[in-house]
Amino acid sequence: ANIRRLRGACFTDRRVRLKNKLGILASLL
């Protein structure tokens, strides 16, 4: 639930580290 709630804003945040952004992309599956 946290991942789904936060992933949109975190993906567009340039400060969020790459590891998290890769996790976000995978979570969309």
PDB file of all heavy atoms in Angstrom:
ATOM      1  N   ALA A   1       0.836  -1.206   0.000  1.00  0.00           N
ATOM      2  CA  ALA A   1       0.000   0.000   0.000  1.00  0.00           C
ATOM      3  C   ALA A   1       0.872   1.257   0.000  1.00  0.00           C
ATOM      4  O   ALA A   1       0.569   2.242  -0.693  1.00  0.00           O
ATOM      5  CB  ALA A   1      -0.939  -0.011   1.205  1.00  0.00           C
ATOM      6  N   ASN A   2       1.952   1.228   0.780  1.00  0.00           N
ATOM      7  CA  ASN A   2       2.883   2.367   0.776  1.00  0.00           C
ATOM      8  C   ASN A   2       3.488   2.573  -0.608  1.00  0.00           C
ATOM      9  O   ASN A   2       3.595   3.703  -1.102  1.00  0.00           O
ATOM     10  CB  ASN A   2       4.009   2.142   1.787  1.00  0.00           C
ATOM     11  CG  ASN A   2       3.578   2.299   3.221  1.00  0.00           C
ATOM     12  OD1 ASN A   2       2.597   2.969   3.511  1.00  0.00           O
ATOM     13  ND2 ASN A   2       4.313   1.674   4.129  1.00  0.00           N
ATOM     14  N   ILE A   3       3.913   1.465  -1.222  1.00  0.00           N
ATOM     15  CA  ILE A   3       4.555   1.550  -2.541  1.00  0.00           C
ATOM     16  C   ILE A   3       3.597   2.150  -3.566  1.00  0.00           C
ATOM     17  O   ILE A   3       3.958   3.054  -4.327  1.00  0.00           O
ATOM     18  CB  ILE A   3       5.042   0.154  -2.975  1.00  0.00           C
ATOM     19  CG1 ILE A   3       6.211  -0.288  -2.080  1.00  0.00           C
ATOM     20  CG2 ILE A   3       5.463   0.155  -4.446  1.00  0.00           C
ATOM     21  CD1 ILE A   3       6.551  -1.763  -2.179  1.00  0.00           C
ATOM     22  N   ARG A   4       2.367   1.690  -3.570  1.00  0.00           N
ATOM     23  CA  ARG A   4       1.386   2.200  -4.540  1.00  0.00           C
ATOM     24  C   ARG A   4       1.068   3.674  -4.278  1.00  0.00           C
ATOM     25  O   ARG A   4       0.881   4.450  -5.224  1.00  0.00           O
ATOM     26  CB  ARG A   4       0.110   1.366  -4.484  1.00  0.00           C
ATOM     27  CG  ARG A   4       0.302  -0.076  -4.953  1.00  0.00           C
ATOM     28  CD  ARG A   4      -1.023  -0.802  -5.054  1.00  0.00           C
ATOM     29  NE  ARG A   4      -1.884  -0.175  -6.058  1.00  0.00           N
ATOM     30  CZ  ARG A   4      -3.157  -0.504  -6.250  1.00  0.00           C
ATOM     31  NH1 ARG A   4      -3.725  -1.440  -5.489  1.00  0.00           N
ATOM     32  NH2 ARG A   4      -3.880   0.094  -7.173  1.00  0.00           N
ATOM     33  N   ARG A   5       1.017   4.055  -3.007  1.00  0.00           N
ATOM     34  CA  ARG A   5       0.698   5.443  -2.666  1.00  0.00           C
ATOM     35  C   ARG A   5       1.819   6.409  -3.026  1.00  0.00           C
ATOM     36  O   ARG A   5       1.574   7.533  -3.458  1.00  0.00           O
ATOM     37  CB  ARG A   5       0.393   5.537  -1.158  1.00  0.00           C
ATOM     38  CG  ARG A   5       0.188   6.958  -0.649  1.00  0.00           C
ATOM     39  CD  ARG A   5      -0.296   6.970   0.778  1.00  0.00           C
ATOM     40  NE  ARG A   5       0.677   6.515   1.738  1.00  0.00           N
ATOM     41  CZ  ARG A   5       1.551   7.320   2.354  1.00  0.00           C
ATOM     42  NH1 ARG A   5       1.589   8.615   2.091  1.00  0.00           N
ATOM     43  NH2 ARG A   5       2.396   6.810   3.242  1.00  0.00           N
ATOM     44  N   LEU A   6       3.061   5.953  -2.878  1.00  0.00           N
ATOM     45  CA  LEU A   6       4.199   6.867  -2.977  1.00  0.00           C
ATOM     46  C   LEU A   6       4.911   6.837  -4.324  1.00  0.00           C
ATOM     47  O   LEU A   6       5.661   7.769  -4.639  1.00  0.00           O
ATOM     48  CB  LEU A   6       5.217   6.522  -1.872  1.00  0.00           C
ATOM     49  CG  LEU A   6       4.721   6.611  -0.428  1.00  0.00           C
ATOM     50  CD1 LEU A   6       5.754   6.020   0.517  1.00  0.00           C
ATOM     51  CD2 LEU A   6       4.420   8.056  -0.048  1.00  0.00           C
ATOM     52  N   ARG A   7       4.706   5.786  -5.119  1.00  0.00           N
ATOM     53  CA  ARG A   7       5.584   5.597  -6.275  1.00  0.00           C
ATOM     54  C   ARG A   7       5.448   6.679  -7.337  1.00  0.00           C
ATOM     55  O   ARG A   7       6.441   7.025  -7.994  1.00  0.00           O
ATOM     56  CB  ARG A   7       5.358   4.212  -6.874  1.00  0.00           C
ATOM     57  CG  ARG A   7       3.969   3.948  -7.440  1.00  0.00           C
ATOM     58  CD  ARG A   7       3.825   2.485  -7.815  1.00  0.00           C
ATOM     59  NE  ARG A   7       2.462   2.181  -8.276  1.00  0.00           N
ATOM     60  CZ  ARG A   7       2.025   0.949  -8.513  1.00  0.00           C
ATOM     61  NH1 ARG A   7       2.823  -0.092  -8.316  1.00  0.00           N
ATOM     62  NH2 ARG A   7       0.778   0.750  -8.939  1.00  0.00           N
ATOM     63  N   GLY A   8       4.270   7.242  -7.525  1.00  0.00           N
ATOM     64  CA  GLY A   8       4.098   8.262  -8.553  1.00  0.00           C
ATOM     65  C   GLY A   8       4.932   9.497  -8.282  1.00  0.00           C
ATOM     66  O   GLY A   8       5.733   9.937  -9.119  1.00  0.00           O
ATOM     67  N   ALA A   9       4.775  10.059  -7.082  1.00  0.00           N
ATOM     68  CA  ALA A   9       5.519  11.276  -6.732  1.00  0.00           C
ATOM     69  C   ALA A   9       7.015  11.000  -6.631  1.00  0.00           C
ATOM     70  O   ALA A   9       7.838  11.830  -7.030  1.00  0.00           O
ATOM     71  CB  ALA A   9       4.991  11.847  -5.423  1.00  0.00           C
ATOM     72  N   CYS A  10       7.376   9.836  -6.109  1.00  0.00           N
ATOM     73  CA  CYS A  10       8.801   9.519  -5.956  1.00  0.00           C
ATOM     74  C   CYS A  10       9.472   9.317  -7.321  1.00  0.00           C
ATOM     75  O   CYS A  10      10.641   9.676  -7.492  1.00  0.00           O
ATOM     76  CB  CYS A  10       8.984   8.273  -5.090  1.00  0.00           C
ATOM     77  SG  CYS A  10       8.696   8.554  -3.324  1.00  0.00           S
ATOM     78  N   PHE A  11       8.738   8.784  -8.280  1.00  0.00           N
ATOM     79  CA  PHE A  11       9.362   8.544  -9.584  1.00  0.00           C
ATOM     80  C   PHE A  11       9.711   9.854 -10.287  1.00  0.00           C
ATOM     81  O   PHE A  11      10.718   9.939 -10.999  1.00  0.00           O
ATOM     82  CB  PHE A  11       8.446   7.702 -10.472  1.00  0.00           C
ATOM     83  CG  PHE A  11       9.120   7.235 -11.728  1.00  0.00           C
ATOM     84  CD1 PHE A  11      10.048   6.205 -11.687  1.00  0.00           C
ATOM     85  CD2 PHE A  11       8.849   7.834 -12.949  1.00  0.00           C
ATOM     86  CE1 PHE A  11      10.694   5.779 -12.841  1.00  0.00           C
ATOM     87  CE2 PHE A  11       9.489   7.415 -14.109  1.00  0.00           C
ATOM     88  CZ  PHE A  11      10.408   6.388 -14.058  1.00  0.00           C
ATOM     89  N   THR A  12       8.913  10.870 -10.080  1.00  0.00           N
ATOM     90  CA  THR A  12       9.170  12.160 -10.731  1.00  0.00           C
ATOM     91  C   THR A  12      10.079  13.068  -9.919  1.00  0.00           C
ATOM     92  O   THR A  12      10.436  14.154 -10.379  1.00  0.00           O
ATOM     93  CB  THR A  12       7.843  12.892 -10.999  1.00  0.00           C
ATOM     94  OG1 THR A  12       7.145  13.084  -9.760  1.00  0.00           O
ATOM     95  CG2 THR A  12       6.971  12.098 -11.955  1.00  0.00           C
ATOM     96  N   ASP A  13      10.465  12.625  -8.724  1.00  0.00           N
ATOM     97  CA  ASP A  13      11.357  13.408  -7.859  1.00  0.00           C
ATOM     98  C   ASP A  13      12.802  13.115  -8.266  1.00  0.00           C
ATOM     99  O   ASP A  13      13.295  11.993  -8.103  1.00  0.00           O
ATOM    100  CB  ASP A  13      11.111  13.018  -6.394  1.00  0.00           C
ATOM    101  CG  ASP A  13      11.900  13.851  -5.405  1.00  0.00           C
ATOM    102  OD1 ASP A  13      12.861  14.537  -5.821  1.00  0.00           O
ATOM    103  OD2 ASP A  13      11.570  13.799  -4.200  1.00  0.00           O
ATOM    104  N   ARG A  14      13.500  14.103  -8.762  1.00  0.00           N
ATOM    105  CA  ARG A  14      14.857  13.883  -9.270  1.00  0.00           C
ATOM    106  C   ARG A  14      15.837  13.491  -8.171  1.00  0.00           C
ATOM    107  O   ARG A  14      16.911  12.950  -8.451  1.00  0.00           O
ATOM    108  CB  ARG A  14      15.370  15.141  -9.980  1.00  0.00           C
ATOM    109  CG  ARG A  14      15.486  16.362  -9.089  1.00  0.00           C
ATOM    110  CD  ARG A  14      15.966  17.587  -9.851  1.00  0.00           C
ATOM    111  NE  ARG A  14      16.040  18.760  -9.001  1.00  0.00           N
ATOM    112  CZ  ARG A  14      17.058  19.034  -8.210  1.00  0.00           C
ATOM    113  NH1 ARG A  14      18.082  18.197  -8.147  1.00  0.00           N
ATOM    114  NH2 ARG A  14      17.056  20.123  -7.454  1.00  0.00           N
ATOM    115  N   ARG A  15      15.501  13.741  -6.914  1.00  0.00           N
ATOM    116  CA  ARG A  15      16.420  13.410  -5.813  1.00  0.00           C
ATOM    117  C   ARG A  15      16.315  11.948  -5.377  1.00  0.00           C
ATOM    118  O   ARG A  15      17.192  11.440  -4.682  1.00  0.00           O
ATOM    119  CB  ARG A  15      16.160  14.312  -4.606  1.00  0.00           C
ATOM    120  CG  ARG A  15      16.486  15.786  -4.817  1.00  0.00           C
ATOM    121  CD  ARG A  15      16.389  16.519  -3.487  1.00  0.00           C
ATOM    122  NE  ARG A  15      16.731  17.927  -3.603  1.00  0.00           N
ATOM    123  CZ  ARG A  15      15.852  18.906  -3.778  1.00  0.00           C
ATOM    124  NH1 ARG A  15      14.561  18.609  -3.883  1.00  0.00           N
ATOM    125  NH2 ARG A  15      16.234  20.159  -3.860  1.00  0.00           N
ATOM    126  N   VAL A  16      15.233  11.279  -5.739  1.00  0.00           N
ATOM    127  CA  VAL A  16      15.055   9.879  -5.328  1.00  0.00           C
ATOM    128  C   VAL A  16      16.113   9.030  -6.027  1.00  0.00           C
ATOM    129  O   VAL A  16      16.327   9.144  -7.236  1.00  0.00           O
ATOM    130  CB  VAL A  16      13.642   9.388  -5.664  1.00  0.00           C
ATOM    131  CG1 VAL A  16      13.516   7.882  -5.448  1.00  0.00           C
ATOM    132  CG2 VAL A  16      12.609  10.143  -4.823  1.00  0.00           C
ATOM    133  N   ARG A  17      16.745   8.154  -5.266  1.00  0.00           N
ATOM    134  CA  ARG A  17      17.859   7.394  -5.815  1.00  0.00           C
ATOM    135  C   ARG A  17      17.395   6.383  -6.864  1.00  0.00           C
ATOM    136  O   ARG A  17      16.246   5.916  -6.843  1.00  0.00           O
ATOM    137  CB  ARG A  17      18.649   6.709  -4.703  1.00  0.00           C
ATOM    138  CG  ARG A  17      17.874   5.736  -3.849  1.00  0.00           C
ATOM    139  CD  ARG A  17      18.759   5.201  -2.741  1.00  0.00           C
ATOM    140  NE  ARG A  17      18.062   4.178  -1.959  1.00  0.00           N
ATOM    141  CZ  ARG A  17      18.673   3.332  -1.166  1.00  0.00           C
ATOM    142  NH1 ARG A  17      19.988   3.370  -1.029  1.00  0.00           N
ATOM    143  NH2 ARG A  17      17.994   2.440  -0.484  1.00  0.00           N
ATOM    144  N   LEU A  18      18.318   6.049  -7.772  1.00  0.00           N
ATOM    145  CA  LEU A  18      18.004   5.192  -8.912  1.00  0.00           C
ATOM    146  C   LEU A  18      17.449   3.841  -8.471  1.00  0.00           C
ATOM    147  O   LEU A  18      16.538   3.290  -9.102  1.00  0.00           O
ATOM    148  CB  LEU A  18      19.264   5.005  -9.763  1.00  0.00           C
ATOM    149  CG  LEU A  18      19.121   4.099 -10.992  1.00  0.00           C
ATOM    150  CD1 LEU A  18      18.085   4.653 -11.964  1.00  0.00           C
ATOM    151  CD2 LEU A  18      20.472   3.926 -11.672  1.00  0.00           C
ATOM    152  N   LYS A  19      17.987   3.282  -7.395  1.00  0.00           N
ATOM    153  CA  LYS A  19      17.536   1.978  -6.909  1.00  0.00           C
ATOM    154  C   LYS A  19      16.032   1.985  -6.632  1.00  0.00           C
ATOM    155  O   LYS A  19      15.315   1.037  -6.966  1.00  0.00           O
ATOM    156  CB  LYS A  19      18.315   1.617  -5.647  1.00  0.00           C
ATOM    157  CG  LYS A  19      18.014   0.250  -5.079  1.00  0.00           C
ATOM    158  CD  LYS A  19      18.895  -0.017  -3.863  1.00  0.00           C
ATOM    159  CE  LYS A  19      18.618  -1.383  -3.273  1.00  0.00           C
ATOM    160  NZ  LYS A  19      19.478  -1.640  -2.071  1.00  0.00           N
ATOM    161  N   ASN A  20      15.546   3.057  -6.018  1.00  0.00           N
ATOM    162  CA  ASN A  20      14.118   3.165  -5.739  1.00  0.00           C
ATOM    163  C   ASN A  20      13.317   3.305  -7.033  1.00  0.00           C
ATOM    164  O   ASN A  20      12.220   2.751  -7.165  1.00  0.00           O
ATOM    165  CB  ASN A  20      13.837   4.364  -4.831  1.00  0.00           C
ATOM    166  CG  ASN A  20      14.052   4.037  -3.366  1.00  0.00           C
ATOM    167  OD1 ASN A  20      14.350   2.908  -3.015  1.00  0.00           O
ATOM    168  ND2 ASN A  20      13.921   5.033  -2.512  1.00  0.00           N
ATOM    169  N   LYS A  21      13.854   4.051  -7.994  1.00  0.00           N
ATOM    170  CA  LYS A  21      13.122   4.252  -9.240  1.00  0.00           C
ATOM    171  C   LYS A  21      13.016   2.949 -10.040  1.00  0.00           C
ATOM    172  O   LYS A  21      11.992   2.678 -10.677  1.00  0.00           O
ATOM    173  CB  LYS A  21      13.773   5.359 -10.057  1.00  0.00           C
ATOM    174  CG  LYS A  21      13.624   6.725  -9.393  1.00  0.00           C
ATOM    175  CD  LYS A  21      13.930   7.877 -10.299  1.00  0.00           C
ATOM    176  CE  LYS A  21      13.630   9.189  -9.596  1.00  0.00           C
ATOM    177  NZ  LYS A  21      13.823  10.374 -10.462  1.00  0.00           N
ATOM    178  N   LEU A  22      14.050   2.137  -9.997  1.00  0.00           N
ATOM    179  CA  LEU A  22      13.969   0.828 -10.648  1.00  0.00           C
ATOM    180  C   LEU A  22      12.923  -0.047  -9.961  1.00  0.00           C
ATOM    181  O   LEU A  22      12.179  -0.781 -10.615  1.00  0.00           O
ATOM    182  CB  LEU A  22      15.334   0.149 -10.623  1.00  0.00           C
ATOM    183  CG  LEU A  22      16.430   0.806 -11.482  1.00  0.00           C
ATOM    184  CD1 LEU A  22      17.763   0.115 -11.260  1.00  0.00           C
ATOM    185  CD2 LEU A  22      16.042   0.792 -12.955  1.00  0.00           C
ATOM    186  N   GLY A  23      12.867   0.037  -8.629  1.00  0.00           N
ATOM    187  CA  GLY A  23      11.845  -0.704  -7.893  1.00  0.00           C
ATOM    188  C   GLY A  23      10.448  -0.229  -8.255  1.00  0.00           C
ATOM    189  O   GLY A  23       9.519  -1.041  -8.381  1.00  0.00           O
ATOM    190  N   ILE A  24      10.292   1.083  -8.449  1.00  0.00           N
ATOM    191  CA  ILE A  24       8.992   1.629  -8.838  1.00  0.00           C
ATOM    192  C   ILE A  24       8.563   1.064 -10.189  1.00  0.00           C
ATOM    193  O   ILE A  24       7.419   0.627 -10.362  1.00  0.00           O
ATOM    194  CB  ILE A  24       9.055   3.165  -8.883  1.00  0.00           C
ATOM    195  CG1 ILE A  24       9.175   3.732  -7.462  1.00  0.00           C
ATOM    196  CG2 ILE A  24       7.813   3.729  -9.567  1.00  0.00           C
ATOM    197  CD1 ILE A  24       9.495   5.210  -7.408  1.00  0.00           C
ATOM    198  N   LEU A  25       9.476   1.066 -11.145  1.00  0.00           N
ATOM    199  CA  LEU A  25       9.146   0.550 -12.474  1.00  0.00           C
ATOM    200  C   LEU A  25       8.722  -0.916 -12.396  1.00  0.00           C
ATOM    201  O   LEU A  25       7.744  -1.336 -13.034  1.00  0.00           O
ATOM    202  CB  LEU A  25      10.341   0.713 -13.415  1.00  0.00           C
ATOM    203  CG  LEU A  25      10.668   2.151 -13.851  1.00  0.00           C
ATOM    204  CD1 LEU A  25      11.954   2.179 -14.652  1.00  0.00           C
ATOM    205  CD2 LEU A  25       9.514   2.738 -14.666  1.00  0.00           C
ATOM    206  N   ALA A  26       9.453  -1.691 -11.607  1.00  0.00           N
ATOM    207  CA  ALA A  26       9.111  -3.108 -11.466  1.00  0.00           C
ATOM    208  C   ALA A  26       7.768  -3.283 -10.773  1.00  0.00           C
ATOM    209  O   ALA A  26       6.996  -4.195 -11.093  1.00  0.00           O
ATOM    210  CB  ALA A  26      10.210  -3.836 -10.703  1.00  0.00           C
ATOM    211  N   SER A  27       7.463  -2.408  -9.837  1.00  0.00           N
ATOM    212  CA  SER A  27       6.204  -2.534  -9.097  1.00  0.00           C
ATOM    213  C   SER A  27       4.989  -2.299  -9.989  1.00  0.00           C
ATOM    214  O   SER A  27       3.889  -2.782  -9.687  1.00  0.00           O
ATOM    215  CB  SER A  27       6.188  -1.552  -7.917  1.00  0.00           C
ATOM    216  OG  SER A  27       5.941  -0.215  -8.343  1.00  0.00           O
ATOM    217  N   LEU A  28       5.171  -1.570 -11.070  1.00  0.00           N
ATOM    218  CA  LEU A  28       4.062  -1.300 -11.989  1.00  0.00           C
ATOM    219  C   LEU A  28       3.583  -2.582 -12.673  1.00  0.00           C
ATOM    220  O   LEU A  28       2.470  -2.619 -13.220  1.00  0.00           O
ATOM    221  CB  LEU A  28       4.482  -0.263 -13.034  1.00  0.00           C
ATOM    222  CG  LEU A  28       4.790   1.134 -12.483  1.00  0.00           C
ATOM    223  CD1 LEU A  28       5.340   2.028 -13.590  1.00  0.00           C
ATOM    224  CD2 LEU A  28       3.551   1.761 -11.841  1.00  0.00           C
ATOM    225  N   LEU A  29       4.408  -3.615 -12.653  1.00  0.00           N
ATOM    226  CA  LEU A  29       4.040  -4.902 -13.236  1.00  0.00           C
ATOM    227  C   LEU A  29       3.167  -5.742 -12.296  1.00  0.00           C
ATOM    228  O   LEU A  29       2.715  -6.829 -12.670  1.00  0.00           O
ATOM    229  CB  LEU A  29       5.301  -5.689 -13.604  1.00  0.00           C
ATOM    230  CG  LEU A  29       6.244  -5.006 -14.595  1.00  0.00           C
ATOM    231  CD1 LEU A  29       7.530  -5.821 -14.753  1.00  0.00           C
ATOM    232  CD2 LEU A  29       5.555  -4.800 -15.940  1.00  0.00           C
TER     233      LEU A  29
END
